[in-house]
Amino acid sequence: MAAAEDCLYLGFDFSTQQLKVLAIDGTLTLVHQNNVQFDSELPEFGTHGGVHIHTDRLTVTSPVLMWVKALDLLLDKMKRAGFDFSRVKALSGSGQQHGSVYWKTGAKQTLEQLDPGKCLCQLLQGSFAVADSPVWMDSSTTAQCRNLESTLGGAQTLADITGSRAYERFTGNQIAKIHQSRPDQYQNTERISLVSSFAASLFLGDYAAIDHSDGSGMNLLDVRTRCWSQTCLEKTAPHLEKRLGTPQGSTSVLGPVSSYFVSRYGFSVDCRVVAFTGDNPASIAGMRLQEGDIAVSLGTSDTVFLWIKEPRPALEGHIFCNPIDRQSYMALLCFKNGSLTRERIRDECNEGSWEFFSSTLRDTPIGNHGNIGFYFDVMEITPGAVGVHRFDKDNNKVPGFSPQVEVKALLEGQFLSKRLHAEKLGYKILPGTRVLATGGASSNRDILQVLSDVFGAPVYTMDVANSACLGSAFRALHGLLVDSGVSFADAVKDAMEPQLAVTPNPGALEGMHEPHNHRLRRCLTCANTEGAYLLRRRCTSPFLPT
């Protein structure tokens, strides 16, 4: 048996702007990484930020052959660098969520008979019914979204089935648009893949199944049965189930790597292809979330990842099948007003100094004397609201705060919003709950202290650069062990642990019991003409004392 350090596991990430790869050995040590930048290294496709933004400013696509040629270039880079493909025992990957690829009739036969003497881009140039794939940035399918929701009985009904209300970027609505606007191309489509399953198909030499986790970002999959919803399929396009194939578990081994890669690059015939998934699910694997954990990425936009056992789909946020635990779910919440809003308040209240900003946070008591603010500089995603809304301890809307009050009001408002929406989706704070913080703002201990106080849980930090790539490599390794009953957590137990940053202040922990949480979930109020959801917590909590 080969020593652990002799075995390699590859993780690919077909993201919006680049294709990345990362290799780990059996000890989980990083041994290689590489990438291809679409705009600069493949200029012939004329993309900006990896995409084409059409004249209507709503339609956004990417050339399928650009992704294919990027894989050619990436593997050639690895070969020139002396990478030993024969040591790779398994590979997996991720793709930007919601993008779709339309294989032309006859493409399956082409995949099965690839000539190792030629590059993939040359071999597959005639294999796609739709040359430019719709991607997650596309927002041109509003009519299809409204039709799907109305025919199913409303947005909440659709969310109860598929985990999300209808979103323009979601794949089912993109398929509906292509069927309606380009029926000939739809008719000539033999198979529809997500970006993730498209990439897996290249390595497999056959059509790869859509995995449950990425498949639950389509408005087509019943997240509880993990099968296609027949009602959603019928309302989207004809004969769609045949074109999608049967979805499979995210930990599934799809088969051996194609003989094309064995001959052209020296992969072992024993190398296995583990199901690819979406970039967000793969990031959960890269961050090694466990039951009860919550991950908060504090960047330009703030993103919250949740591990959930009993999902409660809502009109905001998304429920996906968990990519590393077949019995669990993951939830995703996006908040557009993140670091840029924090920077604006820093500039206005603290002379542009993070040091002054932090000092203000330390000097202001938990709960901010009952003052709270909700700062939506641009139209927010969760909730759909805009404007700045400040309230004093008596629930009176006020035009402004002192600089010291403003800073604390911003942070407590941002993090309280995250907790409230997480709990609406079914998240529960458990005795062992950890908050895993990433992103630029996670380097500020005083910001993390507010996060810890609001969630009543310790906050850990971790370096998760290329988390989707790393998660894909972890999933490749786990895919070979899962049928033996090895959990994902056990498979990657030797990976570097996150570092404890802060724990909740004692006063913040008081009142964090279940009855309190029940009241917390009820306190969503629509309070002004812009339709902003103003989150108020009126109870014995130190955050907002009565």
Foldseek 3Di string as FASTA:
>chain_A
DDDQQLAKEKEWEAEQFKIKMWIATSLLHTDDIDIDGLCPRVVVQVDDSNWDQDPVSQFIWHFPLSSQVRVLVGLVVCVVVVNAQARYQEYAYAYAFLKKFFFFPPVLVLLQDDDLVDGRSVSCVPTGLDRIITAQSHQPQPVLLVQLQVVQPHQLSLCQFLFERRGRSANLSVQLVCCVVPVVSNVRGQAMDHPRQVVLCNFASGRGAAAQFSVSRHSFARQVVSWGDPSSVVSRHPPHCSRRDTYHHLLAFRAFTRVSCCVNPNHHRNYIYGRYHHLVLLLCLLQVDDAQEKEWEFAQKIKIKHKAQDWDRDHFWGWTQRNFDNRTIMIMHIWNRGPVVLQVLCVVQPVSDVVSLLVLLVVADAQNQQKAKDAACDQIRLPRFHDIWIAHLVRDTDDDDHSSSVSLRHLLRVLLSVVLVCVNGHRDRDPQYEYEYHYDVVVRLSSVQSNQLNSQFWYFYDDCVVSSRSSRSLSRQVSVCVVVVDGSCNSCVSDDDTGTRDHHDPLSNPQPDDVQVVQQNVQWDQDDPRRDTDRDREDCGSNRDD
